[in-house]
Amino acid sequence: MKELITAVRKYRDKMLNDPHRPTYHFAIPDDNGLPGDPNGAFFADGVYHLMYLYRNSSTDAFHWGHISSVDLLHWRSHPDALTACNDEGCFSGGAFLYDDGRAYLSFWKFRSKDPNGDNGGIAIACADPPYEKWERITPIAIEGSERIWGTVDIEIDGKIRHISCADPGNIWKMNGRYYMQTGNKCVLDAYGRDENSETCYKGDWTDLFVSDDLKEWKFVRRFYENTHNGDDWPDETEDDMCPSLLPLYDSEENGKLTDKYLQLFISHNKGCQYYIGTLNGERFIPEQHGRMSRKDNAFFAPEALIDDKNRQIMWAWLLDDPKDCFARYGWSGVYSFPRNVWFENNQLHMAPVSELSALEYNKKIPVIDDNNVVSVNNGEVFRLRARIDVSADNKFGFSVRCSEDGSIHTDIYYDKESKMLVFDATNSGSDGWRIKEEAPIVLEDNILDIDIFVDKSVVEVYANKKQAICRRVYPEVKAEIVRLIGEKSAVTEIEVSDMAPTNLY
C-alpha cells in the first residue's frame, strides 16, 4: 500500500508541475486519452454525466471513463462505464435517458476475441441511478459484417446495400419508437474512396435504425443526404462520425424550443462541423452548414446534451496534442469548455456556459501601457473580455502567451477586411500544431465583443456569441505577456480575471 500511495503522489506532483496541463478545462485524470472522444453525455436529476474514451494501460483496451458534475466545473470520477468484455473494448457513441430514469449508452463495439462471439457492431449498455454499474444488453443491437468492421450488408430490393455500423449517435424517441443513427466512415473507406465508386457511397451521410424495445434494431433508411447547398459544405472526402442530433432552443438560457435540430459530427480529415435542419418523419433535412474546425481537425469528436435550463451543451476533444505526448508527459486528453449553442436570428449562436463566471476572481480593469502591454496577474491562466470599436484599423484583438523577447506569441484578432475571427498559432512555440485558423463572422455596427480564455496550453476565444475557435499552444519558454493588437482608443470596455482551477491536478 505504501508503494501505491507513493506512486499516486508522484504522479499527482508530476501533473501539477506540467507547464501545459490545463487547470479548468477538463483533462483526462489518468492514463492515455488518445483517442479521447467525449461520449455518452446526459443530464439526470440535476447532475451532468459525461463519458470519455481512453486507452486503459492495464487492459490495453479502449474504455469509457465516467465523470459527473452538478455545476459543469467540478467533476467526480466514477468507475469506468464500459470496459473490455471479450474484445478490445469500444469506440464512440451516445446516451439516452428513459422516462423511468434508466440511462442507455449506445457504442461501437470491437469484434469479439471469442471465435463464437459477435463480429462487432453497435452495442448498448444500461444503468439505473446512481449510474455506477452498467450492464450490456444482449444480444448485440446491430451485428457488424464478417468482412469489413464497421459495416453491415443488407439486401434491399434484391441488391446488397452496404450500411454504416459505427459510431452510433444518441438515441431519441419519436411517436413511441426509438431511433439511432450510425456513422459512415467505414463504408466510405471501403466503398466510396475510388474515383469510380458509386456516388451513393461518397461523402458524408448517416444510416438510421429503429427499435420498439431498445433491444432489437432494424435498418430504416439513410437518415440524410448532403445537398451541397454551399461552397463550404462537406466534399466527397468527408465522413460523418460521432453524430449528435438534438433540438435547438431560441435563446441562451430558458428559451423556447424551435423546429430546428442540430446535427453535430466530425469528418476525420476536417474536424467538427454541423448541420442545422428539420426532421421530416424519419428523414433529416439539412438547411444550413457550418464548421467548428476549419484549417485542420484540431476541434474533434463533439458530444452534447440538453439540460433543465433548455440549453444544448457540447464538448469537443482538442486533438492538437504534442507529438508522442503520453510517452513524453504521462498524460493526454483535453476537452473544450462546455459550450452552449442555440438558434437565434436564423443562425447558430455559441457561448461558454454561464457557470464559468463562478471561477473568476481578482477581476480588474487592466492597464494598457504605451507598448500595448495589457496588465494581467497570471498570463498563463486568465479570462479577458473586451469591447472594441473596429471602425478604424483593420485588425483588432490580443496576443497571448507572449514571451518577453516577442519571438513566441499567439495572436487572436478580428480581420475587418476578410471579416474573419483569426487564431494565429504559427509563432506559438516549436511544439504542437502551428496553424492559422480563421472563422467567418460579420459584426454589427463595427463592434467586436471578444471573450478569451487562456488555460496554459488551451486557448479558447468567442466573438459576439456567434463564432468561436479553440486550440492548444505550447510555448517552450515563459510566456505570460498579453498585448493589444490595434489602437488603445478603440477599446471601449475591458476586464481581466484570474481563473480558479477545477482539475484535481
Foldseek 3Di string as FASTA:
>chain_A
DVVVVVVVVVLLVLLVPDLFRFFFFDFDQAAAPVVWFKEAWEDDPQKTKIWIWGQDPVLRAIFTWIWMDNQLTFIDTAPTAWDDDQFRTWDHEYKDADPVGKIKTKTWFPQGVPPPAFHTFIWMWIDHPVSRYIDTDPDGADTADPPFRQWHWDQDPNDTDIAGGHAKYYWDDDPQKIKIKHWQPRQCVVANDDPPGDPVSFWEWIWMWIDNPVRYIDTDGTAEDQPCPDPPGTDRQFIWHLWYKDWFFADQWQGDTDQKIWIWTAGQWFAIKIFIFHDDDRHTYGDDIGGQGGPGHQFHNKYWYAYPRRWIWIKTKRNFDWPPCCVVSVGDITIDRTKTWHAHPRAIFIDHPPSQVVFWDPKDFWDQDPQQWTDDPFLQWKKKKFKFQQPPDQKWDKWGLADPVRQATWDWIQGNVVQWTWTQQLRHADTTDGDIDIDHDDDDNRMWIKMWTHGSQWIKIDTPRRGIHIHGGDHPDRGRIMGIDDDPVRTPDMMMTGGHGNDPD
